[in-house]
């Protein structure tokens, strides 16, 4: 740039360079904004996934609790030595048979 500053084309060359840098800055700003929008979208998705995962984990714990209770019930039922129910007496005869 020091070479151009001394020549007769210094001002137009500097203007071109400023425009080039301005355009590059605009492009970088656009990319930055686009990347920031994508980051915000990803954060929103992550929050939704966290809520879903938490709900599924709670559901899993409930299922485990129910399964454990069912197993304890089966074990308790197996440990009980309940006598079989008494046989039912036949219905009384009406004498019309």
Protein backbone atom coordinates (compact mmCIF):
# COMPACT_ATOMS: atom_id res chain seq x y z
CA UNK A 1 0.00 0.00 0.00
CA UNK A 2 2.94 2.35 0.59
CA UNK A 3 3.79 2.02 -3.11
CA UNK A 4 0.33 3.23 -4.09
CA UNK A 5 0.34 6.10 -1.62
CA UNK A 6 3.11 7.82 -3.56
CA UNK A 7 1.73 7.43 -7.08
CA UNK A 8 -0.90 9.43 -8.93
CA UNK A 9 -3.41 6.58 -8.63
CA UNK A 10 -3.18 6.51 -4.82
CA UNK A 11 -6.66 7.84 -4.10
CA UNK A 12 -8.55 5.57 -6.53
CA UNK A 13 -6.47 2.58 -5.35
CA UNK A 14 -7.26 3.38 -1.73
CA UNK A 15 -10.95 3.78 -2.58
CA UNK A 16 -10.92 0.36 -4.29
CA UNK A 17 -9.20 -1.17 -1.27
CA UNK A 18 -11.68 0.43 1.14
CA UNK A 19 -14.59 -0.87 -0.98
CA UNK A 20 -13.02 -4.33 -1.13
CA UNK A 21 -12.60 -4.38 2.64
CA UNK A 22 -16.11 -3.02 3.14
CA UNK A 23 -17.58 -5.75 0.90
CA UNK A 24 -15.55 -8.41 2.70
CA UNK A 25 -16.75 -7.04 6.04
CA UNK A 26 -20.37 -7.15 4.83
CA UNK A 27 -19.97 -10.74 3.67
CA UNK A 28 -18.40 -11.75 6.98
CA UNK A 29 -21.18 -9.99 8.88
CA UNK A 30 -23.80 -11.85 6.84
CA UNK A 31 -22.07 -15.17 7.58
CA UNK A 32 -21.85 -14.27 11.27
CA UNK A 33 -25.56 -13.44 11.43
CA UNK A 34 -26.46 -16.65 9.59
CA UNK A 35 -24.28 -18.70 11.94
CA UNK A 36 -25.83 -16.99 14.97
CA UNK A 37 -29.33 -17.83 13.67
CA UNK A 38 -28.30 -21.47 13.23
CA UNK A 39 -26.86 -21.52 16.76
CA UNK A 40 -30.12 -20.14 18.18
CA UNK A 41 -32.10 -22.77 16.29
CA UNK A 42 -29.81 -25.51 17.61
CA UNK A 43 -30.21 -24.22 21.19
CA UNK A 44 -34.00 -24.34 20.79
CA UNK A 45 -33.81 -27.90 19.45
CA UNK A 46 -31.55 -28.92 22.33
CA UNK A 47 -34.01 -27.49 24.86
CA UNK A 48 -36.88 -29.43 23.28
CA UNK A 49 -34.82 -32.62 23.26
CA UNK A 50 -33.88 -32.10 26.89
CA UNK A 51 -37.56 -31.83 27.84
CA UNK A 52 -38.39 -34.99 25.87
CA UNK A 53 -35.47 -36.93 27.35
CA UNK A 54 -36.42 -35.87 30.88
CA UNK A 55 -40.02 -36.99 30.31
CA UNK A 56 -38.84 -40.33 28.91
CA UNK A 57 -36.49 -40.85 31.85
CA UNK A 58 -39.35 -40.22 34.29
CA UNK A 59 -41.57 -42.64 32.35
CA UNK A 60 -38.80 -45.24 32.41
CA UNK A 61 -38.49 -44.87 36.19
CA UNK A 62 -42.25 -45.33 36.57
CA UNK A 63 -42.19 -48.47 34.43
CA UNK A 64 -39.29 -49.83 36.47
CA UNK A 65 -41.22 -49.13 39.68
CA UNK A 66 -44.33 -50.89 38.35
CA UNK A 67 -42.26 -53.85 37.16
CA UNK A 68 -40.60 -54.09 40.57
CA UNK A 69 -44.01 -54.00 42.30
CA UNK A 70 -45.35 -56.69 39.97
CA UNK A 71 -42.33 -58.89 40.69
CA UNK A 72 -42.76 -58.39 44.44
CA UNK A 73 -46.42 -59.30 44.07
CA UNK A 74 -45.54 -62.49 42.18
CA UNK A 75 -43.00 -63.41 44.85
CA UNK A 76 -45.43 -62.66 47.66
CA UNK A 77 -48.16 -64.67 45.95
CA UNK A 78 -45.76 -67.59 45.55
CA UNK A 79 -44.79 -67.43 49.22
CA UNK A 80 -48.39 -67.52 50.39
CA UNK A 81 -49.54 -71.06 50.88
CA UNK A 82 -53.21 -70.42 50.51
CA UNK A 83 -55.38 -73.53 50.79
CA UNK A 84 -57.40 -74.22 47.71
CA UNK A 85 -60.97 -73.01 47.90
CA UNK A 86 -63.42 -75.57 49.30
CA UNK A 87 -65.33 -77.54 46.72
CA UNK A 88 -68.74 -76.18 46.05
CA UNK A 89 -71.66 -78.34 47.04
CA UNK A 90 -73.99 -79.33 44.24
CA UNK A 91 -77.20 -77.33 44.11
CA UNK A 92 -80.03 -78.82 46.14
CA UNK A 93 -82.25 -81.23 44.33
CA UNK A 94 -85.77 -80.08 43.70
CA UNK A 95 -87.05 -83.61 43.48
CA UNK A 96 -88.24 -83.07 39.94
CA UNK A 97 -85.22 -84.76 38.44
